[in-house]
Every structure is written in structure tokens, then in C-alpha cells.
All heavy atoms as atom14 arrays in JSON, in Angstrom:
{
  "sequence": "VARIDSAGTTVYADSVKGRFTISRDNAKNTVYLQMNSLKPEGTGVYFC",
  "atom14_mask": [
    [1, 1, 1, 1, 1, 1, 1, 0, 0, 0, 0, 0, 0, 0],
    [1, 1, 1, 1, 1, 0, 0, 0, 0, 0, 0, 0, 0, 0],
    [1, 1, 1, 1, 1, 1, 1, 1, 1, 1, 1, 0, 0, 0],
    [1, 1, 1, 1, 1, 1, 1, 1, 0, 0, 0, 0, 0, 0],
    [1, 1, 1, 1, 1, 1, 1, 1, 0, 0, 0, 0, 0, 0],
    [1, 1, 1, 1, 1, 1, 0, 0, 0, 0, 0, 0, 0, 0],
    [1, 1, 1, 1, 1, 0, 0, 0, 0, 0, 0, 0, 0, 0],
    [1, 1, 1, 1, 0, 0, 0, 0, 0, 0, 0, 0, 0, 0],
    [1, 1, 1, 1, 1, 1, 1, 0, 0, 0, 0, 0, 0, 0],
    [1, 1, 1, 1, 1, 1, 1, 0, 0, 0, 0, 0, 0, 0],
    [1, 1, 1, 1, 1, 1, 1, 0, 0, 0, 0, 0, 0, 0],
    [1, 1, 1, 1, 1, 1, 1, 1, 1, 1, 1, 1, 0, 0],
    [1, 1, 1, 1, 1, 0, 0, 0, 0, 0, 0, 0, 0, 0],
    [1, 1, 1, 1, 1, 1, 1, 1, 0, 0, 0, 0, 0, 0],
    [1, 1, 1, 1, 1, 1, 0, 0, 0, 0, 0, 0, 0, 0],
    [1, 1, 1, 1, 1, 1, 1, 0, 0, 0, 0, 0, 0, 0],
    [1, 1, 1, 1, 1, 1, 1, 1, 1, 0, 0, 0, 0, 0],
    [1, 1, 1, 1, 0, 0, 0, 0, 0, 0, 0, 0, 0, 0],
    [1, 1, 1, 1, 1, 1, 1, 1, 1, 1, 1, 0, 0, 0],
    [1, 1, 1, 1, 1, 1, 1, 1, 1, 1, 1, 0, 0, 0],
    [1, 1, 1, 1, 1, 1, 1, 0, 0, 0, 0, 0, 0, 0],
    [1, 1, 1, 1, 1, 1, 1, 1, 0, 0, 0, 0, 0, 0],
    [1, 1, 1, 1, 1, 1, 0, 0, 0, 0, 0, 0, 0, 0],
    [1, 1, 1, 1, 1, 1, 1, 1, 1, 1, 1, 0, 0, 0],
    [1, 1, 1, 1, 1, 1, 1, 1, 0, 0, 0, 0, 0, 0],
    [1, 1, 1, 1, 1, 1, 1, 1, 0, 0, 0, 0, 0, 0],
    [1, 1, 1, 1, 1, 0, 0, 0, 0, 0, 0, 0, 0, 0],
    [1, 1, 1, 1, 1, 1, 1, 1, 1, 0, 0, 0, 0, 0],
    [1, 1, 1, 1, 1, 1, 1, 1, 0, 0, 0, 0, 0, 0],
    [1, 1, 1, 1, 1, 1, 1, 0, 0, 0, 0, 0, 0, 0],
    [1, 1, 1, 1, 1, 1, 1, 0, 0, 0, 0, 0, 0, 0],
    [1, 1, 1, 1, 1, 1, 1, 1, 1, 1, 1, 1, 0, 0],
    [1, 1, 1, 1, 1, 1, 1, 1, 0, 0, 0, 0, 0, 0],
    [1, 1, 1, 1, 1, 1, 1, 1, 1, 0, 0, 0, 0, 0],
    [1, 1, 1, 1, 1, 1, 1, 1, 0, 0, 0, 0, 0, 0],
    [1, 1, 1, 1, 1, 1, 1, 1, 0, 0, 0, 0, 0, 0],
    [1, 1, 1, 1, 1, 1, 0, 0, 0, 0, 0, 0, 0, 0],
    [1, 1, 1, 1, 1, 1, 1, 1, 0, 0, 0, 0, 0, 0],
    [1, 1, 1, 1, 1, 1, 1, 1, 1, 0, 0, 0, 0, 0],
    [1, 1, 1, 1, 1, 1, 1, 0, 0, 0, 0, 0, 0, 0],
    [1, 1, 1, 1, 1, 1, 1, 1, 1, 0, 0, 0, 0, 0],
    [1, 1, 1, 1, 0, 0, 0, 0, 0, 0, 0, 0, 0, 0],
    [1, 1, 1, 1, 1, 1, 1, 0, 0, 0, 0, 0, 0, 0],
    [1, 1, 1, 1, 0, 0, 0, 0, 0, 0, 0, 0, 0, 0],
    [1, 1, 1, 1, 1, 1, 1, 0, 0, 0, 0, 0, 0, 0],
    [1, 1, 1, 1, 1, 1, 1, 1, 1, 1, 1, 1, 0, 0],
    [1, 1, 1, 1, 1, 1, 1, 1, 1, 1, 1, 0, 0, 0],
    [1, 1, 1, 1, 1, 1, 0, 0, 0, 0, 0, 0, 0, 0]
  ],
  "atom14_positions": [
    [[176.63, 24.8, 58.51], [176.43, 23.38, 58.78], [177.81, 22.8, 59.24], [177.95, 22.14, 60.25], [175.93, 22.62, 57.66], [175.9, 21.09, 57.96], [174.51, 23.1, 57.35], [0.0, 0.0, 0.0], [0.0, 0.0, 0.0], [0.0, 0.0, 0.0], [0.0, 0.0, 0.0], [0.0, 0.0, 0.0], [0.0, 0.0, 0.0], [0.0, 0.0, 0.0]],
    [[178.86, 23.04, 58.43], [180.22, 22.52, 58.67], [181.23, 23.39, 57.94], [180.91, 24.0, 56.89], [180.3, 21.15, 58.25], [0.0, 0.0, 0.0], [0.0, 0.0, 0.0], [0.0, 0.0, 0.0], [0.0, 0.0, 0.0], [0.0, 0.0, 0.0], [0.0, 0.0, 0.0], [0.0, 0.0, 0.0], [0.0, 0.0, 0.0], [0.0, 0.0, 0.0]],
    [[182.44, 23.42, 58.47], [183.46, 24.14, 57.85], [184.8, 23.45, 58.05], [185.08, 22.76, 59.01], [183.58, 25.57, 58.53], [184.57, 26.52, 57.94], [184.45, 27.88, 58.56], [184.88, 27.89, 60.01], [184.19, 28.51, 60.96], [183.1, 29.25, 60.66], [184.66, 28.43, 62.22], [0.0, 0.0, 0.0], [0.0, 0.0, 0.0], [0.0, 0.0, 0.0]],
    [[185.68, 23.57, 57.04], [187.0, 22.96, 57.11], [187.99, 23.97, 56.58], [187.86, 24.54, 55.46], [187.01, 21.69, 56.35], [188.36, 21.02, 56.44], [186.66, 21.82, 54.87], [188.36, 19.52, 55.95], [0.0, 0.0, 0.0], [0.0, 0.0, 0.0], [0.0, 0.0, 0.0], [0.0, 0.0, 0.0], [0.0, 0.0, 0.0], [0.0, 0.0, 0.0]],
    [[189.11, 24.23, 57.26], [190.1, 25.13, 56.89], [191.23, 24.48, 56.1], [191.21, 23.24, 55.84], [190.58, 25.91, 58.08], [191.44, 25.15, 59.03], [191.83, 24.01, 58.78], [191.69, 25.67, 60.17], [0.0, 0.0, 0.0], [0.0, 0.0, 0.0], [0.0, 0.0, 0.0], [0.0, 0.0, 0.0], [0.0, 0.0, 0.0], [0.0, 0.0, 0.0]],
    [[192.23, 25.24, 55.77], [193.35, 24.78, 54.94], [194.13, 23.6, 55.62], [194.83, 22.9, 54.91], [194.26, 25.9, 54.51], [194.83, 26.55, 55.61], [0.0, 0.0, 0.0], [0.0, 0.0, 0.0], [0.0, 0.0, 0.0], [0.0, 0.0, 0.0], [0.0, 0.0, 0.0], [0.0, 0.0, 0.0], [0.0, 0.0, 0.0], [0.0, 0.0, 0.0]],
    [[194.16, 23.6, 56.92], [194.9, 22.61, 57.68], [194.03, 21.33, 58.04], [194.52, 20.42, 58.52], [195.36, 23.19, 59.02], [0.0, 0.0, 0.0], [0.0, 0.0, 0.0], [0.0, 0.0, 0.0], [0.0, 0.0, 0.0], [0.0, 0.0, 0.0], [0.0, 0.0, 0.0], [0.0, 0.0, 0.0], [0.0, 0.0, 0.0], [0.0, 0.0, 0.0]],
    [[192.75, 21.37, 57.56], [191.92, 20.23, 57.77], [191.17, 20.33, 59.09], [190.43, 19.38, 59.41], [0.0, 0.0, 0.0], [0.0, 0.0, 0.0], [0.0, 0.0, 0.0], [0.0, 0.0, 0.0], [0.0, 0.0, 0.0], [0.0, 0.0, 0.0], [0.0, 0.0, 0.0], [0.0, 0.0, 0.0], [0.0, 0.0, 0.0], [0.0, 0.0, 0.0]],
    [[191.22, 21.42, 59.75], [190.5, 21.56, 61.05], [189.02, 21.81, 60.69], [188.69, 22.63, 59.83], [191.05, 22.75, 61.86], [192.41, 22.48, 62.11], [190.28, 22.93, 63.15], [0.0, 0.0, 0.0], [0.0, 0.0, 0.0], [0.0, 0.0, 0.0], [0.0, 0.0, 0.0], [0.0, 0.0, 0.0], [0.0, 0.0, 0.0], [0.0, 0.0, 0.0]],
    [[188.14, 21.13, 61.4], [186.7, 21.17, 61.11], [185.89, 21.85, 62.22], [186.25, 21.77, 63.4], [186.17, 19.82, 60.82], [186.41, 18.93, 61.97], [186.82, 19.18, 59.66], [0.0, 0.0, 0.0], [0.0, 0.0, 0.0], [0.0, 0.0, 0.0], [0.0, 0.0, 0.0], [0.0, 0.0, 0.0], [0.0, 0.0, 0.0], [0.0, 0.0, 0.0]],
    [[184.8, 22.41, 61.9], [183.82, 22.96, 62.73], [182.47, 22.53, 62.34], [182.13, 22.6, 61.16], [183.85, 24.5, 62.85], [182.76, 25.09, 63.73], [185.23, 24.99, 63.36], [0.0, 0.0, 0.0], [0.0, 0.0, 0.0], [0.0, 0.0, 0.0], [0.0, 0.0, 0.0], [0.0, 0.0, 0.0], [0.0, 0.0, 0.0], [0.0, 0.0, 0.0]],
    [[181.59, 22.12, 63.27], [180.31, 21.62, 62.96], [179.14, 22.41, 63.78], [179.5, 22.74, 64.96], [180.07, 20.17, 63.19], [180.97, 19.32, 62.35], [182.26, 18.88, 62.75], [180.55, 18.88, 61.12], [183.0, 18.05, 62.05], [181.34, 18.03, 60.32], [182.61, 17.69, 60.76], [183.39, 16.86, 59.99], [0.0, 0.0, 0.0], [0.0, 0.0, 0.0]],
    [[178.05, 22.57, 63.18], [176.95, 23.06, 63.97], [176.56, 21.97, 65.02], [176.69, 20.8, 64.71], [175.73, 23.31, 63.04], [0.0, 0.0, 0.0], [0.0, 0.0, 0.0], [0.0, 0.0, 0.0], [0.0, 0.0, 0.0], [0.0, 0.0, 0.0], [0.0, 0.0, 0.0], [0.0, 0.0, 0.0], [0.0, 0.0, 0.0], [0.0, 0.0, 0.0]],
    [[176.14, 22.39, 66.2], [175.77, 21.42, 67.21], [174.73, 20.42, 66.7], [174.75, 19.24, 67.11], [175.21, 22.14, 68.44], [176.33, 22.9, 69.21], [177.56, 22.61, 69.03], [176.01, 23.83, 69.94], [0.0, 0.0, 0.0], [0.0, 0.0, 0.0], [0.0, 0.0, 0.0], [0.0, 0.0, 0.0], [0.0, 0.0, 0.0], [0.0, 0.0, 0.0]],
    [[173.83, 20.83, 65.86], [172.76, 20.07, 65.42], [173.19, 18.84, 64.48], [172.43, 17.87, 64.4], [171.69, 20.86, 64.64], [172.27, 21.45, 63.48], [0.0, 0.0, 0.0], [0.0, 0.0, 0.0], [0.0, 0.0, 0.0], [0.0, 0.0, 0.0], [0.0, 0.0, 0.0], [0.0, 0.0, 0.0], [0.0, 0.0, 0.0], [0.0, 0.0, 0.0]],
    [[174.41, 18.93, 64.01], [174.86, 17.86, 63.13], [176.07, 17.1, 63.62], [176.53, 16.17, 62.9], [175.18, 18.45, 61.67], [174.0, 19.24, 61.13], [176.42, 19.24, 61.68], [0.0, 0.0, 0.0], [0.0, 0.0, 0.0], [0.0, 0.0, 0.0], [0.0, 0.0, 0.0], [0.0, 0.0, 0.0], [0.0, 0.0, 0.0], [0.0, 0.0, 0.0]],
    [[176.63, 17.47, 64.7], [177.78, 16.88, 65.26], [177.51, 15.32, 65.52], [176.5, 15.0, 66.02], [178.22, 17.44, 66.63], [178.84, 18.82, 66.47], [179.24, 19.4, 67.86], [179.93, 20.73, 67.71], [180.28, 21.32, 68.97], [0.0, 0.0, 0.0], [0.0, 0.0, 0.0], [0.0, 0.0, 0.0], [0.0, 0.0, 0.0], [0.0, 0.0, 0.0]],
    [[178.5, 14.54, 65.01], [178.32, 13.14, 65.14], [177.63, 12.44, 64.03], [177.61, 11.22, 63.88], [0.0, 0.0, 0.0], [0.0, 0.0, 0.0], [0.0, 0.0, 0.0], [0.0, 0.0, 0.0], [0.0, 0.0, 0.0], [0.0, 0.0, 0.0], [0.0, 0.0, 0.0], [0.0, 0.0, 0.0], [0.0, 0.0, 0.0], [0.0, 0.0, 0.0]],
    [[176.95, 13.25, 63.13], [176.23, 12.7, 62.02], [176.77, 13.08, 60.66], [176.65, 12.33, 59.69], [174.7, 13.13, 62.13], [174.01, 12.65, 63.39], [172.51, 12.94, 63.38], [172.28, 14.37, 63.34], [171.7, 15.05, 62.34], [171.3, 14.36, 61.24], [171.5, 16.32, 62.43], [0.0, 0.0, 0.0], [0.0, 0.0, 0.0], [0.0, 0.0, 0.0]],
    [[177.33, 14.33, 60.62], [177.86, 14.85, 59.36], [179.37, 14.97, 59.38], [179.94, 15.15, 60.46], [177.28, 16.29, 59.09], [175.86, 16.38, 58.74], [174.98, 15.31, 58.89], [175.32, 17.58, 58.21], [173.66, 15.38, 58.5], [174.05, 17.7, 57.84], [173.16, 16.63, 58.05], [0.0, 0.0, 0.0], [0.0, 0.0, 0.0], [0.0, 0.0, 0.0]],
    [[179.98, 14.71, 58.26], [181.47, 14.88, 58.13], [181.79, 15.72, 56.93], [181.33, 15.4, 55.81], [182.11, 13.52, 58.09], [181.76, 12.74, 59.19], [183.59, 13.63, 58.02], [0.0, 0.0, 0.0], [0.0, 0.0, 0.0], [0.0, 0.0, 0.0], [0.0, 0.0, 0.0], [0.0, 0.0, 0.0], [0.0, 0.0, 0.0], [0.0, 0.0, 0.0]],
    [[182.61, 16.74, 57.15], [183.1, 17.54, 56.09], [184.54, 17.09, 55.77], [185.31, 16.8, 56.62], [182.97, 19.03, 56.33], [183.33, 19.85, 55.09], [183.86, 19.4, 57.47], [183.07, 21.38, 55.24], [0.0, 0.0, 0.0], [0.0, 0.0, 0.0], [0.0, 0.0, 0.0], [0.0, 0.0, 0.0], [0.0, 0.0, 0.0], [0.0, 0.0, 0.0]],
    [[184.89, 17.01, 54.42], [186.22, 16.65, 54.07], [186.59, 17.39, 52.77], [185.71, 17.9, 52.11], [186.33, 15.1, 53.96], [185.48, 14.64, 52.9], [0.0, 0.0, 0.0], [0.0, 0.0, 0.0], [0.0, 0.0, 0.0], [0.0, 0.0, 0.0], [0.0, 0.0, 0.0], [0.0, 0.0, 0.0], [0.0, 0.0, 0.0], [0.0, 0.0, 0.0]],
    [[187.88, 17.32, 52.45], [188.27, 17.97, 51.18], [189.29, 17.17, 50.55], [190.14, 16.49, 51.19], [188.83, 19.4, 51.46], [190.05, 19.46, 52.32], [190.35, 20.96, 52.76], [190.41, 21.88, 51.67], [190.3, 23.19, 51.83], [190.02, 23.73, 53.06], [190.45, 23.97, 50.76], [0.0, 0.0, 0.0], [0.0, 0.0, 0.0], [0.0, 0.0, 0.0]],
    [[189.27, 17.26, 49.22], [190.38, 16.58, 48.36], [190.96, 17.72, 47.55], [190.42, 18.13, 46.52], [189.78, 15.5, 47.52], [190.79, 14.73, 46.76], [191.91, 15.23, 46.56], [190.48, 13.6, 46.38], [0.0, 0.0, 0.0], [0.0, 0.0, 0.0], [0.0, 0.0, 0.0], [0.0, 0.0, 0.0], [0.0, 0.0, 0.0], [0.0, 0.0, 0.0]],
    [[192.09, 18.17, 47.97], [192.7, 19.37, 47.38], [193.17, 19.03, 45.87], [193.15, 19.89, 45.0], [193.91, 19.87, 48.12], [193.46, 20.57, 49.42], [192.32, 21.05, 49.52], [194.29, 20.6, 50.32], [0.0, 0.0, 0.0], [0.0, 0.0, 0.0], [0.0, 0.0, 0.0], [0.0, 0.0, 0.0], [0.0, 0.0, 0.0], [0.0, 0.0, 0.0]],
    [[193.55, 17.76, 45.64], [193.92, 17.34, 44.3], [192.83, 17.45, 43.3], [193.0, 17.61, 42.1], [194.55, 15.99, 44.32], [0.0, 0.0, 0.0], [0.0, 0.0, 0.0], [0.0, 0.0, 0.0], [0.0, 0.0, 0.0], [0.0, 0.0, 0.0], [0.0, 0.0, 0.0], [0.0, 0.0, 0.0], [0.0, 0.0, 0.0], [0.0, 0.0, 0.0]],
    [[191.58, 17.35, 43.78], [190.41, 17.38, 42.94], [189.67, 18.7, 43.08], [188.57, 18.88, 42.48], [189.43, 16.19, 43.29], [190.05, 14.88, 43.02], [189.03, 13.75, 43.36], [189.6, 12.34, 42.98], [188.66, 11.26, 43.26], [0.0, 0.0, 0.0], [0.0, 0.0, 0.0], [0.0, 0.0, 0.0], [0.0, 0.0, 0.0], [0.0, 0.0, 0.0]],
    [[190.15, 19.59, 43.89], [189.48, 20.87, 44.15], [187.98, 20.64, 44.53], [187.09, 21.34, 44.06], [189.53, 21.73, 42.85], [190.82, 22.55, 42.76], [191.85, 22.2, 43.34], [190.81, 23.55, 41.86], [0.0, 0.0, 0.0], [0.0, 0.0, 0.0], [0.0, 0.0, 0.0], [0.0, 0.0, 0.0], [0.0, 0.0, 0.0], [0.0, 0.0, 0.0]],
    [[187.88, 19.77, 45.47], [186.46, 19.35, 45.86], [186.37, 19.24, 47.42], [187.24, 18.75, 48.04], [186.1, 18.08, 45.21], [186.24, 18.12, 43.78], [184.7, 17.63, 45.62], [0.0, 0.0, 0.0], [0.0, 0.0, 0.0], [0.0, 0.0, 0.0], [0.0, 0.0, 0.0], [0.0, 0.0, 0.0], [0.0, 0.0, 0.0], [0.0, 0.0, 0.0]],
    [[185.17, 19.7, 47.91], [184.86, 19.53, 49.34], [183.6, 18.68, 49.3], [182.7, 18.83, 48.49], [184.75, 20.89, 50.0], [183.6, 21.71, 49.42], [184.56, 20.66, 51.48], [0.0, 0.0, 0.0], [0.0, 0.0, 0.0], [0.0, 0.0, 0.0], [0.0, 0.0, 0.0], [0.0, 0.0, 0.0], [0.0, 0.0, 0.0], [0.0, 0.0, 0.0]],
    [[183.5, 17.86, 50.34], [182.36, 16.94, 50.52], [181.7, 17.16, 51.86], [182.28, 17.64, 52.82], [182.86, 15.47, 50.44], [183.65, 15.14, 49.2], [185.03, 15.19, 49.22], [183.03, 14.75, 48.07], [185.8, 14.83, 48.12], [183.72, 14.46, 46.9], [185.14, 14.53, 46.93], [185.85, 14.17, 45.83], [0.0, 0.0, 0.0], [0.0, 0.0, 0.0]],
    [[180.46, 16.78, 51.88], [179.65, 16.74, 53.12], [178.97, 15.42, 53.13], [178.0, 15.17, 52.43], [178.71, 17.88, 53.23], [177.9, 17.94, 54.55], [178.85, 18.28, 55.67], [176.76, 18.96, 54.41], [0.0, 0.0, 0.0], [0.0, 0.0, 0.0], [0.0, 0.0, 0.0], [0.0, 0.0, 0.0], [0.0, 0.0, 0.0], [0.0, 0.0, 0.0]],
    [[179.44, 14.53, 54.03], [178.8, 13.26, 54.24], [177.76, 13.42, 55.26], [178.07, 13.79, 56.44], [179.77, 12.19, 54.57], [179.17, 10.82, 54.91], [178.59, 10.18, 53.68], [179.26, 10.13, 52.66], [177.35, 9.63, 53.78], [0.0, 0.0, 0.0], [0.0, 0.0, 0.0], [0.0, 0.0, 0.0], [0.0, 0.0, 0.0], [0.0, 0.0, 0.0]],
    [[176.47, 13.17, 54.98], [175.38, 13.36, 55.84], [174.75, 11.98, 56.14], [174.19, 11.36, 55.27], [174.32, 14.27, 55.21], [174.87, 15.67, 54.86], [173.64, 16.82, 54.21], [173.08, 15.97, 52.72], [0.0, 0.0, 0.0], [0.0, 0.0, 0.0], [0.0, 0.0, 0.0], [0.0, 0.0, 0.0], [0.0, 0.0, 0.0], [0.0, 0.0, 0.0]],
    [[174.85, 11.61, 57.41], [174.22, 10.4, 57.85], [173.1, 10.63, 58.83], [173.03, 11.81, 59.47], [175.33, 9.49, 58.51], [176.47, 9.07, 57.57], [176.18, 8.83, 56.41], [177.62, 8.96, 58.14], [0.0, 0.0, 0.0], [0.0, 0.0, 0.0], [0.0, 0.0, 0.0], [0.0, 0.0, 0.0], [0.0, 0.0, 0.0], [0.0, 0.0, 0.0]],
    [[172.33, 9.67, 59.09], [171.2, 9.8, 60.05], [170.36, 11.08, 59.82], [170.1, 11.81, 60.75], [171.7, 9.71, 61.48], [172.43, 8.51, 61.69], [0.0, 0.0, 0.0], [0.0, 0.0, 0.0], [0.0, 0.0, 0.0], [0.0, 0.0, 0.0], [0.0, 0.0, 0.0], [0.0, 0.0, 0.0], [0.0, 0.0, 0.0], [0.0, 0.0, 0.0]],
    [[170.03, 11.26, 58.56], [169.31, 12.51, 58.22], [167.99, 12.68, 58.87], [167.23, 11.62, 58.99], [169.16, 12.68, 56.72], [170.46, 13.13, 56.0], [170.39, 12.79, 54.54], [170.59, 14.61, 56.22], [0.0, 0.0, 0.0], [0.0, 0.0, 0.0], [0.0, 0.0, 0.0], [0.0, 0.0, 0.0], [0.0, 0.0, 0.0], [0.0, 0.0, 0.0]],
    [[167.68, 13.89, 59.25], [166.38, 14.19, 59.88], [165.54, 15.15, 59.02], [166.17, 15.89, 58.23], [166.62, 14.81, 61.26], [167.39, 14.03, 62.18], [167.66, 14.77, 63.51], [168.53, 13.97, 64.49], [168.82, 14.68, 65.72], [0.0, 0.0, 0.0], [0.0, 0.0, 0.0], [0.0, 0.0, 0.0], [0.0, 0.0, 0.0], [0.0, 0.0, 0.0]],
    [[164.22, 15.21, 59.15], [163.42, 16.11, 58.34], [163.87, 17.54, 58.48], [163.79, 18.25, 57.47], [162.01, 15.93, 58.88], [162.01, 14.46, 59.41], [163.37, 14.26, 59.99], [0.0, 0.0, 0.0], [0.0, 0.0, 0.0], [0.0, 0.0, 0.0], [0.0, 0.0, 0.0], [0.0, 0.0, 0.0], [0.0, 0.0, 0.0], [0.0, 0.0, 0.0]],
    [[164.35, 17.93, 59.64], [164.78, 19.32, 59.82], [166.06, 19.63, 59.11], [166.49, 20.8, 59.02], [164.97, 19.68, 61.3], [165.78, 18.65, 62.12], [164.92, 17.67, 62.83], [163.95, 17.16, 62.27], [165.16, 17.37, 64.02], [0.0, 0.0, 0.0], [0.0, 0.0, 0.0], [0.0, 0.0, 0.0], [0.0, 0.0, 0.0], [0.0, 0.0, 0.0]],
    [[166.71, 18.63, 58.47], [167.89, 18.78, 57.66], [167.45, 19.22, 56.21], [168.36, 19.44, 55.38], [0.0, 0.0, 0.0], [0.0, 0.0, 0.0], [0.0, 0.0, 0.0], [0.0, 0.0, 0.0], [0.0, 0.0, 0.0], [0.0, 0.0, 0.0], [0.0, 0.0, 0.0], [0.0, 0.0, 0.0], [0.0, 0.0, 0.0], [0.0, 0.0, 0.0]],
    [[166.19, 19.3, 55.85], [165.75, 19.73, 54.64], [166.09, 21.14, 54.31], [165.92, 22.02, 55.19], [164.21, 19.58, 54.48], [163.87, 18.15, 54.55], [163.69, 20.1, 53.2], [0.0, 0.0, 0.0], [0.0, 0.0, 0.0], [0.0, 0.0, 0.0], [0.0, 0.0, 0.0], [0.0, 0.0, 0.0], [0.0, 0.0, 0.0], [0.0, 0.0, 0.0]],
    [[166.56, 21.46, 53.21], [166.85, 22.83, 52.75], [167.78, 22.81, 51.54], [168.12, 21.77, 50.99], [0.0, 0.0, 0.0], [0.0, 0.0, 0.0], [0.0, 0.0, 0.0], [0.0, 0.0, 0.0], [0.0, 0.0, 0.0], [0.0, 0.0, 0.0], [0.0, 0.0, 0.0], [0.0, 0.0, 0.0], [0.0, 0.0, 0.0], [0.0, 0.0, 0.0]],
    [[168.18, 23.98, 51.12], [169.1, 24.17, 50.1], [170.53, 24.26, 50.68], [170.74, 25.12, 51.6], [168.8, 25.38, 49.22], [169.91, 25.52, 48.17], [167.48, 25.29, 48.57], [0.0, 0.0, 0.0], [0.0, 0.0, 0.0], [0.0, 0.0, 0.0], [0.0, 0.0, 0.0], [0.0, 0.0, 0.0], [0.0, 0.0, 0.0], [0.0, 0.0, 0.0]],
    [[171.47, 23.41, 50.31], [172.75, 23.36, 50.79], [173.74, 24.15, 49.91], [173.8, 23.8, 48.74], [173.26, 21.97, 51.03], [172.62, 21.32, 52.24], [171.28, 20.95, 52.25], [173.37, 21.09, 53.39], [170.77, 20.33, 53.41], [172.87, 20.48, 54.54], [171.49, 20.16, 54.49], [170.94, 19.58, 55.66], [0.0, 0.0, 0.0], [0.0, 0.0, 0.0]],
    [[174.35, 25.11, 50.44], [175.25, 25.98, 49.65], [176.71, 25.71, 50.04], [177.06, 25.58, 51.23], [174.99, 27.44, 49.9], [173.59, 27.92, 49.38], [172.51, 27.89, 50.22], [173.45, 28.39, 48.1], [171.28, 28.26, 49.76], [172.2, 28.83, 47.61], [171.12, 28.79, 48.43], [0.0, 0.0, 0.0], [0.0, 0.0, 0.0], [0.0, 0.0, 0.0]],
    [[177.57, 25.71, 49.06], [178.98, 25.59, 49.2], [179.59, 27.02, 49.28], [179.22, 27.87, 48.53], [179.6, 24.73, 48.13], [181.39, 24.52, 48.23], [0.0, 0.0, 0.0], [0.0, 0.0, 0.0], [0.0, 0.0, 0.0], [0.0, 0.0, 0.0], [0.0, 0.0, 0.0], [0.0, 0.0, 0.0], [0.0, 0.0, 0.0], [0.0, 0.0, 0.0]]
  ]
}
């Protein structure tokens, strides 16, 4: 769905470009996926 490297460079699946945003907070050891304008085909199990 989305990927972010150590420099903050991101890659998105074509199907989610413009709607999803991946980000990371290294101080919190946490990565996020903000999902907007969700569609039924977005249903599934999301794995980190």
C-alpha cells in the first residue's frame, strides 16, 4: 500500500495515491498510515 524509507522517501500503490499518506515518528518508534476517501475495495487486513 505504502512504504517509507529511513530518509522519509515514500512510495504508494497507484490505487491509493492522493488519498493515503504514510509517515513515521522515529522518536516514538511508530509509523502511521493516514487513509482518506476510503473505498470498499480498501477493505482488508493491513499489515505493518
